[in-house]
Amino acid sequence: ANCRDLIALKNSIARLPGVKKALSSLNSALNRKIFDELDTLDDVFMLIESSIVDDPPVSVREGGIIKSGYNAEVDRLRKASTAGKEWIVRFESEERERTGIKNLKVGYNKVFGYYIEVTRSYYSMVPEDYIRKQTLANCERYITGSLKEIEDEILGAEEKVVELEYQLFTQVKDQIASQVGRIKKAAACVAMTDVICSLAEAADKEGYCRPEVNEGGKIEILDGRHPVVEKSIEGGSFVPNDAFLDWDENRVLIITGPNMAGKSTYIRQVALIVLMAQVGSFVPAREARIGIVDRIFTRVGASDDLASGQSTFMVEMSEVANIIRNATKRSLLILDEVGRGTSTFDGLSIAWSVVEYISDPEKLGARTLFATHYHELTQLEGKLSGIRNYCMLAEERGEDIVFMRKVVRGGADDSYGIHVAKLAGIPYQVLERAREILEELENLSISKRGVRPKKQKAHIDGQLDLFAFSREAKVNRELVHEIKNLDIQNMTPIEALNTLYRLQHKAMDT
């Protein structure tokens, strides 16, 4: 610490009595505890106030840091130094008058100390008692016995006072350092008061409610809002949503819906409301009952870890693995688009398996919000207990789409990817071509992400049938139908060959 740090500390301590007075009228247990523990550090304040000047220099080695009246020896040395400098001023005036040299002046440098400087035109007027010390181009410098005596007195006092001031500063600093435990405790009390005031101000200004926090397994939020996103939307147009999770029939909520409809905002706001409630804050909702969670695990966003050679999908899977290994029944899981970093059917298979695992009370059974574009996962409701489908409401109006930002029961019918591309400003020609390609892919039963599924393996009894209407089955039916309807009798040889070639390639693609 330097002297300016001590002054900053003193200025902070000066505010503590006001903080303590403000706390004195508050009766809640936490506020009373802070009031009782808050030390106003009056002795530390008085030590700094009496010893360190209000506007000290940055350096503690150049003097000018100890207040007058704090130490008698410092005061005496300063007086000696000041008196000596006043003597120098009088000496200069007296020598000008005695010698008649009008531009005679007394100067100082670290090499020669104090000296008398006379220009060339006055050399003839220099008294005999002046001792030449240095000759320059247009002047000469002299000293006298009396000047050297006062120089020793001034410089000796200045050196002594600088050293003494540093010693006194070190003593003051050590005294304060011995009280660092009290200072930290006072700082903790102020920090706690600051947090409480900030949360209270936000709750009052933004209309938050007081949540009920209990040991149960239910998380029930009515008209919940995202505390950050709602501040970025002008006009208070944020659409609130309910949420209900428990350890029974509502363990895993699968959230589907279009891009930009608000899936990620919704699942994050639930996590934030739970977090805020458990740190003691009011929450952005009309009502909230929060069954305590031990930890909140999240898998959101996508990023590469190039430094360690991990792809987006590898990072995603590492995070999911960490969640599965460390989550408990009492945890809250927020999973956003698990499996999207790889091919469609691989990603869907992983996402499906993850949902099965975390929803199983014998394996994990954690309360989970699972946002996904894999609409196939909505088939799990009714097949596995504890899974409920929800979707973000959207309305098609002609070729446009309107996001309602409302969470409702059920699964989404479409991802509306082309509609979102239109909103993003993709050119009309590109959108039209995308619609053509999408129609072709749908007709071929290829995934809407444009990824061909692998050849389906034999169905195992008891296994959930992910793809009841596989592309292979549909193409086989189409081949049989097309072969049955071929008019072989009226085909030319070349037409027959071309038809056989086309059917062979179609069969090979399955």
Protein backbone atom coordinates (compact mmCIF):
# COMPACT_ATOMS: atom_id res chain seq x y z
CA ALA A 1 0.00 0.00 0.00
CA ASN A 2 1.07 3.59 -0.59
CA CYS A 3 -0.28 6.75 1.04
CA ARG A 4 -3.04 7.17 -1.55
CA ASP A 5 -4.29 3.66 -0.75
CA LEU A 6 -4.52 4.63 2.92
CA ILE A 7 -6.47 7.79 2.07
CA ALA A 8 -8.87 5.70 -0.07
CA LEU A 9 -9.31 3.33 2.87
CA LYS A 10 -9.95 6.27 5.20
CA ASN A 11 -12.58 7.70 2.83
CA SER A 12 -14.36 4.32 2.74
CA ILE A 13 -14.24 3.94 6.54
CA ALA A 14 -15.73 7.43 6.85
CA ARG A 15 -18.96 6.03 5.31
CA LEU A 16 -19.36 3.17 7.79
CA PRO A 17 -21.13 5.14 10.57
CA GLY A 18 -23.79 6.19 8.05
CA VAL A 19 -24.27 2.60 6.90
CA LYS A 20 -24.57 1.41 10.50
CA LYS A 21 -27.12 4.14 11.28
CA ALA A 22 -29.21 3.10 8.26
CA LEU A 23 -29.16 -0.52 9.43
CA SER A 24 -30.16 0.36 12.99
CA SER A 25 -33.86 0.74 12.12
CA LEU A 26 -34.13 -2.61 10.29
CA ASN A 27 -35.44 -5.57 12.26
CA SER A 28 -35.00 -8.65 10.04
CA ALA A 29 -32.61 -11.27 11.39
CA LEU A 30 -30.05 -10.86 8.61
CA ASN A 31 -30.02 -7.07 8.84
CA ARG A 32 -29.67 -7.21 12.63
CA LYS A 33 -26.77 -9.65 12.25
CA ILE A 34 -25.02 -7.29 9.82
CA PHE A 35 -25.66 -4.34 12.17
CA ASP A 36 -24.17 -6.20 15.13
CA GLU A 37 -21.09 -7.32 13.18
CA LEU A 38 -20.36 -4.05 11.37
CA ASP A 39 -17.28 -2.45 12.95
CA THR A 40 -17.02 1.26 12.09
CA LEU A 41 -13.21 1.11 12.54
CA ASP A 42 -13.03 4.49 14.25
CA ASP A 43 -9.47 3.91 15.51
CA VAL A 44 -8.20 3.05 12.04
CA PHE A 45 -9.89 6.14 10.65
CA MET A 46 -8.34 8.41 13.29
CA LEU A 47 -4.88 6.92 12.76
CA ILE A 48 -4.93 7.70 9.03
CA GLU A 49 -6.67 11.04 9.54
CA SER A 50 -4.01 12.27 12.00
CA SER A 51 -0.93 10.94 10.20
CA ILE A 52 -1.29 11.09 6.40
CA VAL A 53 -1.81 14.31 4.41
CA ASP A 54 -5.10 14.46 2.48
CA ASP A 55 -3.47 14.67 -0.96
CA PRO A 56 -0.19 12.72 -0.72
CA PRO A 57 2.26 12.10 -3.57
CA VAL A 58 2.42 8.68 -5.22
CA SER A 59 5.95 8.00 -3.96
CA VAL A 60 6.52 7.31 -0.27
CA ARG A 61 10.27 7.97 -0.58
CA GLU A 62 10.21 11.67 -1.36
CA GLY A 63 8.61 13.14 1.75
CA GLY A 64 5.54 15.33 2.03
CA ILE A 65 3.33 12.50 3.30
CA ILE A 66 3.10 13.03 7.09
CA LYS A 67 0.77 15.68 8.48
CA SER A 68 2.14 18.53 10.59
CA GLY A 69 1.53 17.96 14.29
CA TYR A 70 1.75 14.16 14.08
CA ASN A 71 5.47 13.95 15.00
CA ALA A 72 7.53 16.67 16.74
CA GLU A 73 10.84 15.75 15.08
CA VAL A 74 9.27 15.94 11.60
CA ASP A 75 7.91 19.37 12.47
CA ARG A 76 11.35 20.57 13.75
CA LEU A 77 13.22 19.35 10.67
CA ARG A 78 10.65 20.87 8.34
CA LYS A 79 10.97 24.17 10.20
CA ALA A 80 14.76 24.04 9.91
CA SER A 81 14.52 23.33 6.20
CA THR A 82 11.96 26.07 5.69
CA ALA A 83 13.98 28.58 7.75
CA GLY A 84 17.10 27.73 5.76
CA LYS A 85 15.36 28.35 2.45
CA GLU A 86 14.05 31.65 3.74
CA TRP A 87 17.66 32.54 4.71
CA ILE A 88 18.73 31.73 1.11
CA VAL A 89 16.15 34.18 -0.26
CA ARG A 90 17.33 36.94 2.12
CA PHE A 91 20.99 36.14 1.37
CA GLU A 92 20.41 36.58 -2.37
CA SER A 93 18.78 39.95 -1.85
CA GLU A 94 21.48 41.15 0.54
CA GLU A 95 24.32 40.08 -1.80
CA ARG A 96 22.81 41.95 -4.75
CA GLU A 97 22.68 45.09 -2.63
CA ARG A 98 26.21 44.60 -1.19
CA THR A 99 27.95 43.86 -4.50
CA GLY A 100 25.85 45.97 -6.86
CA ILE A 101 25.45 42.98 -9.19
CA LYS A 102 21.79 43.35 -10.25
CA ASN A 103 21.36 39.90 -11.83
CA LEU A 104 23.17 37.94 -9.10
CA LYS A 105 21.20 34.84 -8.16
CA VAL A 106 21.54 31.88 -5.83
CA GLY A 107 20.88 28.45 -7.45
CA TYR A 108 21.10 24.77 -6.55
CA ASN A 109 21.99 21.48 -8.20
CA LYS A 110 22.76 18.04 -6.85
CA VAL A 111 26.43 18.17 -7.91
CA PHE A 112 27.57 21.47 -6.33
CA GLY A 113 24.72 22.19 -3.93
CA TYR A 114 23.91 25.92 -3.46
CA TYR A 115 25.96 28.46 -5.46
CA ILE A 116 26.08 32.16 -6.44
CA GLU A 117 25.89 32.79 -10.19
CA VAL A 118 27.40 35.95 -11.78
CA THR A 119 27.31 36.73 -15.53
CA ARG A 120 30.44 37.72 -17.52
CA SER A 121 29.65 41.43 -17.60
CA TYR A 122 29.87 41.67 -13.80
CA TYR A 123 33.08 39.71 -13.22
CA SER A 124 34.92 42.87 -12.15
CA MET A 125 32.44 43.43 -9.32
CA VAL A 126 32.83 39.99 -7.68
CA PRO A 127 33.94 40.38 -4.01
CA GLU A 128 37.18 38.78 -2.79
CA ASP A 129 35.38 36.51 -0.30
CA TYR A 130 33.63 34.65 -3.19
CA ILE A 131 35.26 31.31 -3.94
CA ARG A 132 35.11 30.29 -7.65
CA LYS A 133 33.48 26.83 -8.03
CA GLN A 134 32.61 26.51 -11.74
CA THR A 135 33.15 28.43 -14.98
CA LEU A 136 30.52 28.25 -17.74
CA ALA A 137 30.36 29.87 -21.21
CA ASN A 138 28.77 33.14 -20.09
CA CYS A 139 28.87 33.01 -16.30
CA GLU A 140 30.77 31.82 -13.28
CA ARG A 141 29.54 30.18 -10.09
CA TYR A 142 30.84 30.91 -6.59
CA ILE A 143 30.32 29.83 -3.00
CA THR A 144 30.92 31.45 0.39
CA GLY A 145 31.55 30.00 3.83
CA SER A 146 28.17 31.12 5.18
CA LEU A 147 26.37 29.68 2.14
CA LYS A 148 27.99 26.27 2.64
CA GLU A 149 27.04 26.25 6.33
CA ILE A 150 23.36 26.91 5.63
CA GLU A 151 23.46 24.38 2.78
CA ASP A 152 24.56 21.65 5.17
CA GLU A 153 21.77 22.59 7.54
CA ILE A 154 19.05 22.65 4.85
CA LEU A 155 20.08 19.48 3.03
CA GLY A 156 20.67 17.60 6.26
CA ALA A 157 17.19 18.50 7.48
CA GLU A 158 15.55 17.54 4.19
CA GLU A 159 17.26 14.15 4.03
CA LYS A 160 16.41 13.44 7.65
CA VAL A 161 12.75 14.43 7.32
CA VAL A 162 12.26 12.30 4.17
CA GLU A 163 13.71 9.25 5.89
CA LEU A 164 11.75 9.90 9.08
CA GLU A 165 8.50 10.35 7.17
CA TYR A 166 9.01 7.00 5.45
CA GLN A 167 9.65 5.31 8.79
CA LEU A 168 6.49 6.84 10.26
CA PHE A 169 4.46 5.80 7.19
CA THR A 170 5.72 2.23 7.57
CA GLN A 171 4.66 2.24 11.23
CA VAL A 172 1.18 3.50 10.33
CA LYS A 173 0.86 0.89 7.59
CA ASP A 174 1.92 -1.90 9.96
CA GLN A 175 -0.61 -0.75 12.57
CA ILE A 176 -3.38 -0.87 9.97
CA ALA A 177 -2.19 -4.26 8.67
CA SER A 178 -2.53 -5.65 12.21
CA GLN A 179 -6.27 -4.80 11.98
CA VAL A 180 -6.82 -6.44 8.58
CA GLY A 181 -9.19 -9.04 10.06
CA ARG A 182 -11.52 -6.29 11.31
CA ILE A 183 -11.27 -4.44 8.00
CA LYS A 184 -12.18 -7.58 6.01
CA LYS A 185 -15.14 -8.29 8.29
CA ALA A 186 -16.41 -4.73 7.86
CA ALA A 187 -15.96 -5.08 4.10
CA ALA A 188 -17.98 -8.32 4.14
CA CYS A 189 -20.80 -6.59 6.03
CA VAL A 190 -20.84 -3.74 3.51
CA ALA A 191 -20.77 -6.25 0.63
CA MET A 192 -23.72 -8.18 2.05
CA THR A 193 -25.65 -4.94 2.56
CA ASP A 194 -24.84 -3.92 -1.02
CA VAL A 195 -26.11 -7.24 -2.41
CA ILE A 196 -29.34 -7.03 -0.39
CA CYS A 197 -29.94 -3.43 -1.47
CA SER A 198 -29.30 -4.29 -5.14
CA LEU A 199 -31.66 -7.27 -5.09
CA ALA A 200 -34.30 -5.26 -3.24
CA GLU A 201 -34.07 -2.38 -5.69
CA ALA A 202 -34.39 -4.72 -8.67
CA ALA A 203 -37.35 -6.52 -7.07
CA ASP A 204 -39.14 -3.25 -6.34
CA LYS A 205 -38.41 -1.68 -9.72
CA GLU A 206 -39.15 -4.73 -11.87
CA GLY A 207 -42.12 -6.16 -10.00
CA TYR A 208 -40.53 -9.38 -8.75
CA CYS A 209 -42.35 -11.68 -6.33
CA ARG A 210 -41.17 -13.37 -3.15
CA PRO A 211 -40.69 -17.08 -3.92
CA GLU A 212 -41.58 -19.91 -1.60
CA VAL A 213 -38.50 -22.10 -1.19
CA ASN A 214 -39.01 -25.58 0.27
CA GLU A 215 -37.49 -29.04 0.51
CA GLY A 216 -40.00 -30.61 -1.89
CA GLY A 217 -39.48 -31.72 -5.46
CA LYS A 218 -41.80 -29.28 -7.24
CA ILE A 219 -40.70 -26.24 -9.22
CA GLU A 220 -43.78 -24.18 -10.00
CA ILE A 221 -43.44 -20.80 -11.72
CA LEU A 222 -46.41 -18.68 -12.82
CA ASP A 223 -45.82 -15.96 -15.41
CA GLY A 224 -42.06 -16.29 -15.19
CA ARG A 225 -39.82 -13.87 -17.08
CA HIS A 226 -36.16 -13.79 -18.12
CA PRO A 227 -34.61 -11.08 -15.89
CA VAL A 228 -32.06 -10.02 -18.52
CA VAL A 229 -33.95 -10.43 -21.79
CA GLU A 230 -36.98 -8.49 -20.55
CA LYS A 231 -34.70 -5.50 -19.86
CA SER A 232 -33.52 -5.48 -23.48
CA ILE A 233 -37.05 -5.41 -24.89
CA GLU A 234 -38.58 -1.96 -25.11
CA GLY A 235 -42.15 -1.30 -24.06
CA GLY A 236 -42.48 -4.20 -21.62
CA SER A 237 -43.51 -6.65 -24.36
CA PHE A 238 -41.82 -9.71 -22.84
CA VAL A 239 -44.28 -12.65 -22.89
CA PRO A 240 -44.32 -14.45 -19.49
CA ASN A 241 -44.61 -18.24 -19.28
CA ASP A 242 -45.44 -20.84 -16.65
CA ALA A 243 -43.25 -23.81 -15.75
CA PHE A 244 -43.97 -26.92 -13.69
CA LEU A 245 -41.48 -29.65 -12.82
CA ASP A 246 -41.59 -32.42 -10.23
CA TRP A 247 -40.23 -35.90 -9.54
CA ASP A 248 -43.35 -37.68 -10.78
CA GLU A 249 -45.10 -37.09 -14.10
CA ASN A 250 -43.26 -33.86 -14.98
CA ARG A 251 -39.61 -34.83 -14.59
CA VAL A 252 -38.53 -34.05 -18.17
CA LEU A 253 -40.14 -31.33 -20.28
CA ILE A 254 -39.31 -31.69 -23.97
CA ILE A 255 -39.56 -28.24 -25.56
CA THR A 256 -39.95 -28.10 -29.35
CA GLY A 257 -40.71 -25.23 -31.68
CA PRO A 258 -39.32 -23.07 -34.48
CA ASN A 259 -35.97 -21.37 -34.46
CA MET A 260 -36.16 -17.93 -32.81
CA ALA A 261 -39.43 -18.84 -31.09
CA GLY A 262 -37.88 -18.57 -27.62
CA LYS A 263 -37.02 -22.13 -26.52
CA SER A 264 -33.58 -21.20 -25.20
CA THR A 265 -34.87 -18.08 -23.44
CA TYR A 266 -37.60 -20.12 -21.75
CA ILE A 267 -35.37 -22.88 -20.36
CA ARG A 268 -32.73 -20.37 -19.24
CA GLN A 269 -35.26 -18.19 -17.46
CA VAL A 270 -36.43 -21.19 -15.42
CA ALA A 271 -32.82 -21.88 -14.37
CA LEU A 272 -32.24 -18.20 -13.51
CA ILE A 273 -35.42 -18.00 -11.43
CA VAL A 274 -34.38 -21.09 -9.46
CA LEU A 275 -30.90 -19.66 -8.97
CA MET A 276 -32.21 -16.25 -7.86
CA ALA A 277 -34.60 -17.85 -5.39
CA GLN A 278 -31.84 -19.90 -3.81
CA VAL A 279 -29.51 -16.92 -3.33
CA GLY A 280 -32.29 -15.16 -1.44
CA SER A 281 -33.63 -12.88 -4.16
CA PHE A 282 -37.17 -12.10 -5.21
CA VAL A 283 -37.80 -13.52 -8.71
CA PRO A 284 -39.30 -12.26 -11.99
CA ALA A 285 -42.65 -14.05 -11.80
CA ARG A 286 -46.20 -13.62 -10.51
CA GLU A 287 -45.79 -16.61 -8.18
CA ALA A 288 -43.00 -19.11 -7.61
CA ARG A 289 -42.59 -22.21 -5.45
CA ILE A 290 -39.11 -23.66 -5.69
CA GLY A 291 -38.11 -27.09 -4.46
CA ILE A 292 -34.43 -26.71 -3.59
CA VAL A 293 -31.93 -27.99 -6.17
CA ASP A 294 -28.40 -29.06 -5.26
CA ARG A 295 -26.87 -27.92 -8.55
CA ILE A 296 -27.91 -26.53 -11.92
CA PHE A 297 -26.30 -28.24 -14.91
CA THR A 298 -26.48 -26.60 -18.34
CA ARG A 299 -25.61 -27.68 -21.87
CA VAL A 300 -26.24 -24.64 -24.00
CA GLY A 301 -24.49 -22.98 -26.89
CA ALA A 302 -21.90 -24.46 -29.24
CA SER A 303 -18.17 -23.87 -29.37
CA ASP A 304 -14.97 -25.53 -30.50
CA ASP A 305 -12.03 -26.12 -28.19
CA LEU A 306 -9.40 -25.91 -30.88
CA ALA A 307 -6.51 -25.63 -28.43
CA SER A 308 -7.13 -29.16 -27.20
CA GLY A 309 -8.27 -30.47 -30.58
CA GLN A 310 -11.93 -30.88 -29.64
CA SER A 311 -14.73 -30.24 -32.10
CA THR A 312 -18.07 -28.68 -31.27
CA PHE A 313 -19.63 -32.12 -30.97
CA MET A 314 -16.80 -33.41 -28.77
CA VAL A 315 -17.21 -30.44 -26.42
CA GLU A 316 -20.96 -31.02 -26.35
CA MET A 317 -20.61 -34.70 -25.56
CA SER A 318 -18.00 -34.00 -22.86
CA GLU A 319 -20.42 -31.63 -21.16
CA VAL A 320 -23.28 -34.11 -21.40
CA ALA A 321 -21.03 -36.84 -19.96
CA ASN A 322 -20.12 -34.57 -17.05
CA ILE A 323 -23.81 -33.93 -16.38
CA ILE A 324 -24.75 -37.60 -16.44
CA ARG A 325 -21.88 -38.51 -14.13
CA ASN A 326 -22.43 -35.78 -11.55
CA ALA A 327 -26.12 -34.86 -11.51
CA THR A 328 -28.45 -36.18 -8.82
CA LYS A 329 -32.19 -36.53 -8.48
CA ARG A 330 -32.27 -33.10 -6.82
CA SER A 331 -30.37 -31.37 -9.65
CA LEU A 332 -31.92 -29.16 -12.33
CA LEU A 333 -30.78 -29.91 -15.89
CA ILE A 334 -31.00 -27.38 -18.74
CA LEU A 335 -30.21 -29.07 -22.06
CA ASP A 336 -30.41 -27.14 -25.32
CA GLU A 337 -30.14 -28.94 -28.68
CA VAL A 338 -28.21 -31.99 -27.52
CA GLY A 339 -26.95 -34.00 -30.51
CA ARG A 340 -27.03 -31.25 -33.11
CA GLY A 341 -23.26 -31.33 -33.64
CA THR A 342 -23.32 -34.57 -35.64
CA SER A 343 -25.36 -36.26 -38.36
CA THR A 344 -29.12 -36.16 -37.94
CA PHE A 345 -29.75 -39.77 -37.03
CA ASP A 346 -26.66 -40.11 -34.82
CA GLY A 347 -27.65 -36.92 -33.00
CA LEU A 348 -31.26 -38.02 -32.64
CA SER A 349 -30.19 -41.40 -31.28
CA ILE A 350 -27.94 -39.78 -28.68
CA ALA A 351 -30.58 -37.23 -27.67
CA TRP A 352 -33.20 -40.00 -27.37
CA SER A 353 -30.91 -42.12 -25.20
CA VAL A 354 -29.98 -39.16 -22.98
CA VAL A 355 -33.66 -38.37 -22.37
CA GLU A 356 -34.33 -42.02 -21.51
CA TYR A 357 -31.46 -42.07 -19.01
CA ILE A 358 -32.16 -38.81 -17.18
CA SER A 359 -35.89 -39.48 -16.97
CA ASP A 360 -35.40 -42.93 -15.39
CA PRO A 361 -35.79 -42.61 -11.57
CA GLU A 362 -33.63 -45.71 -11.12
CA LYS A 363 -30.72 -44.07 -12.99
CA LEU A 364 -31.10 -40.32 -12.47
CA GLY A 365 -34.66 -38.95 -12.45
CA ALA A 366 -33.53 -35.31 -12.41
CA ARG A 367 -35.87 -32.46 -13.21
CA THR A 368 -34.97 -31.44 -16.77
CA LEU A 369 -35.85 -28.92 -19.46
CA PHE A 370 -34.82 -30.35 -22.84
CA ALA A 371 -35.08 -28.01 -25.85
CA THR A 372 -34.73 -29.77 -29.20
CA HIS A 373 -35.40 -29.66 -32.94
CA TYR A 374 -35.78 -33.45 -33.03
CA HIS A 375 -39.56 -33.68 -33.20
CA GLU A 376 -39.25 -37.46 -33.03
CA LEU A 377 -38.51 -37.10 -29.31
CA THR A 378 -42.11 -36.09 -28.72
CA GLN A 379 -42.97 -39.79 -29.24
CA LEU A 380 -41.50 -40.45 -25.79
CA GLU A 381 -44.48 -38.94 -24.02
CA GLY A 382 -46.75 -41.84 -23.24
CA LYS A 383 -44.00 -44.40 -23.77
CA LEU A 384 -41.88 -43.33 -20.78
CA SER A 385 -43.24 -42.00 -17.51
CA GLY A 386 -42.38 -38.50 -16.36
CA ILE A 387 -42.00 -36.97 -19.84
CA ARG A 388 -44.20 -34.10 -21.02
CA ASN A 389 -44.21 -32.34 -24.38
CA TYR A 390 -44.35 -28.57 -24.68
CA CYS A 391 -43.83 -26.33 -27.67
CA MET A 392 -43.38 -22.67 -28.54
CA LEU A 393 -46.52 -21.40 -30.19
CA ALA A 394 -46.15 -19.99 -33.72
CA GLU A 395 -48.75 -18.98 -36.30
CA GLU A 396 -48.38 -19.16 -40.06
CA ARG A 397 -49.90 -16.24 -41.91
CA GLY A 398 -49.54 -16.98 -45.59
CA GLU A 399 -45.83 -17.29 -46.26
CA ASP A 400 -44.99 -15.47 -43.02
CA ILE A 401 -44.68 -16.73 -39.47
CA VAL A 402 -45.49 -14.96 -36.22
CA PHE A 403 -43.77 -16.13 -33.03
CA MET A 404 -46.18 -15.94 -30.08
CA ARG A 405 -43.41 -16.63 -27.50
CA LYS A 406 -45.90 -18.73 -25.53
CA VAL A 407 -45.22 -22.21 -24.17
CA VAL A 408 -48.15 -24.60 -24.63
CA ARG A 409 -48.73 -28.34 -24.14
CA GLY A 410 -47.95 -30.59 -27.09
CA GLY A 411 -45.26 -30.97 -29.74
CA ALA A 412 -44.38 -28.65 -32.61
CA ASP A 413 -45.43 -29.56 -36.14
CA ASP A 414 -42.57 -27.90 -37.99
CA SER A 415 -39.28 -26.06 -37.53
CA TYR A 416 -40.25 -23.27 -39.93
CA GLY A 417 -36.61 -23.00 -40.98
CA ILE A 418 -37.36 -21.38 -44.35
CA HIS A 419 -39.65 -18.83 -42.68
CA VAL A 420 -36.86 -17.91 -40.28
CA ALA A 421 -34.43 -17.62 -43.22
CA LYS A 422 -36.85 -15.17 -44.81
CA LEU A 423 -36.94 -13.09 -41.63
CA ALA A 424 -33.14 -13.08 -41.63
CA GLY A 425 -33.07 -11.53 -45.11
CA ILE A 426 -32.15 -14.51 -47.32
CA PRO A 427 -32.88 -13.53 -50.97
CA TYR A 428 -36.21 -14.62 -52.48
CA GLN A 429 -34.57 -16.82 -55.18
CA VAL A 430 -32.67 -18.77 -52.53
CA LEU A 431 -35.83 -19.26 -50.46
CA GLU A 432 -37.79 -20.51 -53.45
CA ARG A 433 -35.07 -23.00 -54.35
CA ALA A 434 -34.98 -24.12 -50.68
CA ARG A 435 -38.72 -24.81 -50.79
CA GLU A 436 -38.26 -26.94 -53.93
CA ILE A 437 -35.43 -28.92 -52.36
CA LEU A 438 -37.40 -29.36 -49.12
CA GLU A 439 -40.38 -30.71 -51.04
CA GLU A 440 -38.15 -33.16 -52.90
CA LEU A 441 -36.50 -34.32 -49.70
CA GLU A 442 -39.84 -34.75 -47.94
CA ASN A 443 -41.13 -36.75 -50.87
CA LEU A 444 -38.09 -39.00 -50.56
CA SER A 445 -38.56 -39.24 -46.79
CA ILE A 446 -35.07 -37.86 -46.22
CA SER A 447 -34.44 -35.93 -43.04
CA LYS A 448 -35.31 -32.27 -43.25
CA ARG A 449 -31.68 -31.57 -42.41
CA GLY A 450 -30.67 -33.22 -45.66
CA VAL A 451 -28.91 -36.22 -44.08
CA ARG A 452 -29.63 -39.70 -45.36
CA PRO A 453 -30.25 -42.20 -42.56
CA LYS A 454 -28.11 -45.27 -42.33
CA LYS A 455 -29.60 -48.58 -43.32
CA GLN A 456 -31.91 -49.57 -40.49
CA LYS A 457 -30.86 -52.56 -38.43
CA ALA A 458 -33.17 -55.38 -37.57
CA HIS A 459 -35.77 -54.40 -34.99
CA ILE A 460 -35.17 -55.84 -31.51
CA ASP A 461 -38.16 -56.72 -29.37
CA GLY A 462 -38.67 -54.20 -26.60
CA GLN A 463 -36.64 -51.50 -28.29
CA LEU A 464 -38.43 -48.23 -29.08
CA ASP A 465 -39.00 -47.97 -32.84
CA LEU A 466 -37.46 -44.61 -33.73
CA PHE A 467 -38.28 -44.69 -37.42
CA ALA A 468 -41.51 -46.59 -37.91
CA PHE A 469 -41.79 -45.15 -41.39
CA SER A 470 -38.21 -45.51 -42.56
CA ARG A 471 -37.02 -44.29 -45.90
CA GLU A 472 -36.05 -47.84 -46.90
CA ALA A 473 -39.54 -49.18 -46.41
CA LYS A 474 -41.09 -46.33 -48.36
CA VAL A 475 -38.64 -46.60 -51.26
CA ASN A 476 -39.20 -50.38 -51.43
CA ARG A 477 -42.93 -49.81 -51.71
CA GLU A 478 -42.37 -47.21 -54.42
CA LEU A 479 -40.09 -49.61 -56.36
CA VAL A 480 -42.65 -52.45 -56.19
CA HIS A 481 -45.44 -50.11 -57.27
CA GLU A 482 -43.37 -48.71 -60.15
CA ILE A 483 -42.33 -52.19 -61.39
CA LYS A 484 -45.92 -53.43 -61.27
CA ASN A 485 -47.03 -50.54 -63.45
CA LEU A 486 -44.32 -50.84 -66.11
CA ASP A 487 -45.69 -51.32 -69.66
CA ILE A 488 -42.95 -53.72 -70.77
CA GLN A 489 -44.76 -54.80 -73.97
CA ASN A 490 -44.60 -51.28 -75.43
CA MET A 491 -41.01 -50.39 -74.35
CA THR A 492 -38.21 -50.06 -76.83
CA PRO A 493 -34.96 -51.84 -75.91
CA ILE A 494 -33.24 -48.56 -75.03
CA GLU A 495 -36.21 -47.45 -72.86
CA ALA A 496 -36.13 -50.77 -71.03
CA LEU A 497 -32.39 -50.43 -70.39
CA ASN A 498 -32.74 -46.86 -69.08
CA THR A 499 -35.62 -47.89 -66.82
CA LEU A 500 -33.64 -50.82 -65.41
CA TYR A 501 -30.65 -48.52 -64.82
CA ARG A 502 -32.82 -45.98 -62.98
CA LEU A 503 -34.50 -48.62 -60.80
CA GLN A 504 -31.14 -50.18 -59.92
CA HIS A 505 -29.74 -46.85 -58.72
CA LYS A 506 -32.88 -46.12 -56.76
CA ALA A 507 -32.60 -49.50 -55.02
CA MET A 508 -28.91 -48.92 -54.26
CA ASP A 509 -29.68 -45.61 -52.53
CA THR A 510 -31.81 -47.28 -49.84
